[in-house]
Amino acid sequence: MSITLRILLIICSVISFILCIKKIKKSELKIENSVIWLLGSILLILMSIFSGAVSWVSSALGFEAPVNFVFLCVIGFLLIEVFLDNIRISKLYEKVKDLNHYIALKENEEKQKKG
């Protein structure tokens, strides 16, 4: 892995780590939602520092270049995060639907009491 890519990975990972910490301190981001981003940035820092291990793993798995392995890891990480977000969104839709039903029932009960 080239030194330019390693430095870029370290800089971006440190920036994302600091950004997550700042958002947590300002209560704009919950800790349980940011753990995956913090772990991802730490993983990228480790991958850029220990590029020899990344080169060994990538060659053992048959990648032509270690950077392809790094890209695969990042894409996999993002796909997992999108999947988890979709699960959270589905749960929220169900809660909104249940809340709409509850409100409709309460409004119907109030109409029957008045009428």
Protein backbone atom coordinates (compact mmCIF):
# COMPACT_ATOMS: atom_id res chain seq x y z
CA MET A 1 0.00 0.00 0.00
CA SER A 2 1.42 3.36 -0.97
CA ILE A 3 2.46 5.87 1.65
CA THR A 4 0.02 8.42 0.19
CA LEU A 5 -2.92 6.08 0.69
CA ARG A 6 -1.74 5.22 4.19
CA ILE A 7 -1.51 8.89 5.18
CA LEU A 8 -4.89 9.62 3.60
CA LEU A 9 -6.48 6.71 5.50
CA ILE A 10 -5.01 7.90 8.79
CA ILE A 11 -6.13 11.51 8.25
CA CYS A 12 -9.69 10.57 7.22
CA SER A 13 -10.02 8.03 10.03
CA VAL A 14 -8.82 10.47 12.68
CA ILE A 15 -11.16 13.17 11.35
CA SER A 16 -14.15 10.81 11.41
CA PHE A 17 -13.22 9.62 14.92
CA ILE A 18 -12.97 13.21 16.20
CA LEU A 19 -16.23 14.15 14.47
CA CYS A 20 -18.06 11.25 16.13
CA ILE A 21 -16.68 12.19 19.54
CA LYS A 22 -17.74 15.84 19.07
CA LYS A 23 -21.25 14.80 18.02
CA ILE A 24 -21.55 12.55 21.07
CA LYS A 25 -20.42 15.36 23.40
CA LYS A 26 -23.00 17.72 21.87
CA SER A 27 -25.69 15.01 22.30
CA GLU A 28 -26.33 15.05 18.56
CA LEU A 29 -25.44 11.37 18.22
CA LYS A 30 -26.22 8.46 20.51
CA ILE A 31 -23.33 6.34 21.68
CA GLU A 32 -24.93 3.07 20.52
CA ASN A 33 -25.31 4.49 17.00
CA SER A 34 -21.76 5.78 16.83
CA VAL A 35 -19.93 2.68 18.09
CA ILE A 36 -19.80 1.16 14.61
CA TRP A 37 -18.32 4.38 13.17
CA LEU A 38 -15.73 4.60 15.93
CA LEU A 39 -14.76 0.96 15.41
CA GLY A 40 -14.59 1.49 11.66
CA SER A 41 -12.27 4.46 11.99
CA ILE A 42 -10.05 2.56 14.43
CA LEU A 43 -9.96 -0.37 12.00
CA LEU A 44 -8.87 1.92 9.15
CA ILE A 45 -6.16 3.44 11.33
CA LEU A 46 -4.87 -0.03 12.20
CA MET A 47 -5.01 -1.09 8.55
CA SER A 48 -2.96 1.92 7.51
CA ILE A 49 -0.41 1.54 10.31
CA PHE A 50 0.03 -2.22 9.89
CA SER A 51 0.02 -2.29 6.10
CA GLY A 52 2.22 -5.38 6.09
CA ALA A 53 -0.55 -7.40 7.68
CA VAL A 54 -3.05 -5.99 5.18
CA SER A 55 -0.71 -6.92 2.33
CA TRP A 56 -0.35 -10.45 3.69
CA VAL A 57 -4.10 -10.95 4.16
CA SER A 58 -4.91 -9.48 0.76
CA SER A 59 -2.38 -11.70 -1.00
CA ALA A 60 -3.61 -14.74 0.95
CA LEU A 61 -7.17 -14.00 -0.18
CA GLY A 62 -6.07 -13.49 -3.78
CA PHE A 63 -6.37 -9.73 -4.18
CA GLU A 64 -4.06 -8.16 -6.73
CA ALA A 65 -3.38 -5.11 -4.57
CA PRO A 66 -3.83 -4.41 -0.86
CA VAL A 67 -5.82 -1.29 -1.69
CA ASN A 68 -8.51 -3.49 -3.24
CA PHE A 69 -8.80 -5.34 0.06
CA VAL A 70 -9.10 -2.04 1.93
CA PHE A 71 -11.82 -0.90 -0.47
CA LEU A 72 -13.65 -4.20 -0.02
CA CYS A 73 -13.53 -3.79 3.76
CA VAL A 74 -14.89 -0.24 3.54
CA ILE A 75 -17.67 -1.26 1.15
CA GLY A 76 -18.57 -4.22 3.36
CA PHE A 77 -18.61 -1.97 6.40
CA LEU A 78 -20.92 0.51 4.68
CA LEU A 79 -23.24 -2.24 3.46
CA ILE A 80 -23.58 -3.58 6.99
CA GLU A 81 -24.33 -0.08 8.29
CA VAL A 82 -26.99 0.47 5.61
CA PHE A 83 -28.57 -2.89 6.45
CA LEU A 84 -28.69 -2.04 10.16
CA ASP A 85 -30.16 1.38 9.36
CA ASN A 86 -32.87 -0.27 7.24
CA ILE A 87 -33.77 -2.51 10.17
CA ARG A 88 -34.05 0.55 12.44
CA ILE A 89 -36.18 2.37 9.86
CA SER A 90 -38.51 -0.61 9.49
CA LYS A 91 -39.00 -0.74 13.24
CA LEU A 92 -39.75 2.98 13.30
CA TYR A 93 -42.32 2.61 10.51
CA GLU A 94 -44.06 -0.09 12.54
CA LYS A 95 -44.10 2.14 15.60
CA VAL A 96 -45.56 5.03 13.57
CA LYS A 97 -48.22 2.73 12.13
CA ASP A 98 -49.13 1.47 15.62
CA LEU A 99 -49.26 5.05 16.89
CA ASN A 100 -51.56 6.08 14.02
CA HIS A 101 -53.88 3.19 14.85
CA TYR A 102 -53.90 4.14 18.51
CA ILE A 103 -54.68 7.79 17.73
CA ALA A 104 -57.48 6.77 15.34
CA LEU A 105 -59.03 4.52 17.99
CA LYS A 106 -58.85 7.26 20.63
CA GLU A 107 -60.43 9.80 18.27
CA ASN A 108 -63.19 7.32 17.44
CA GLU A 109 -63.85 6.72 21.16
CA GLU A 110 -64.07 10.49 21.76
CA LYS A 111 -66.55 10.88 18.88
CA GLN A 112 -68.72 8.08 20.28
CA LYS A 113 -68.72 9.66 23.76
CA LYS A 114 -69.75 13.07 22.35
CA GLY A 115 -72.33 11.75 19.93
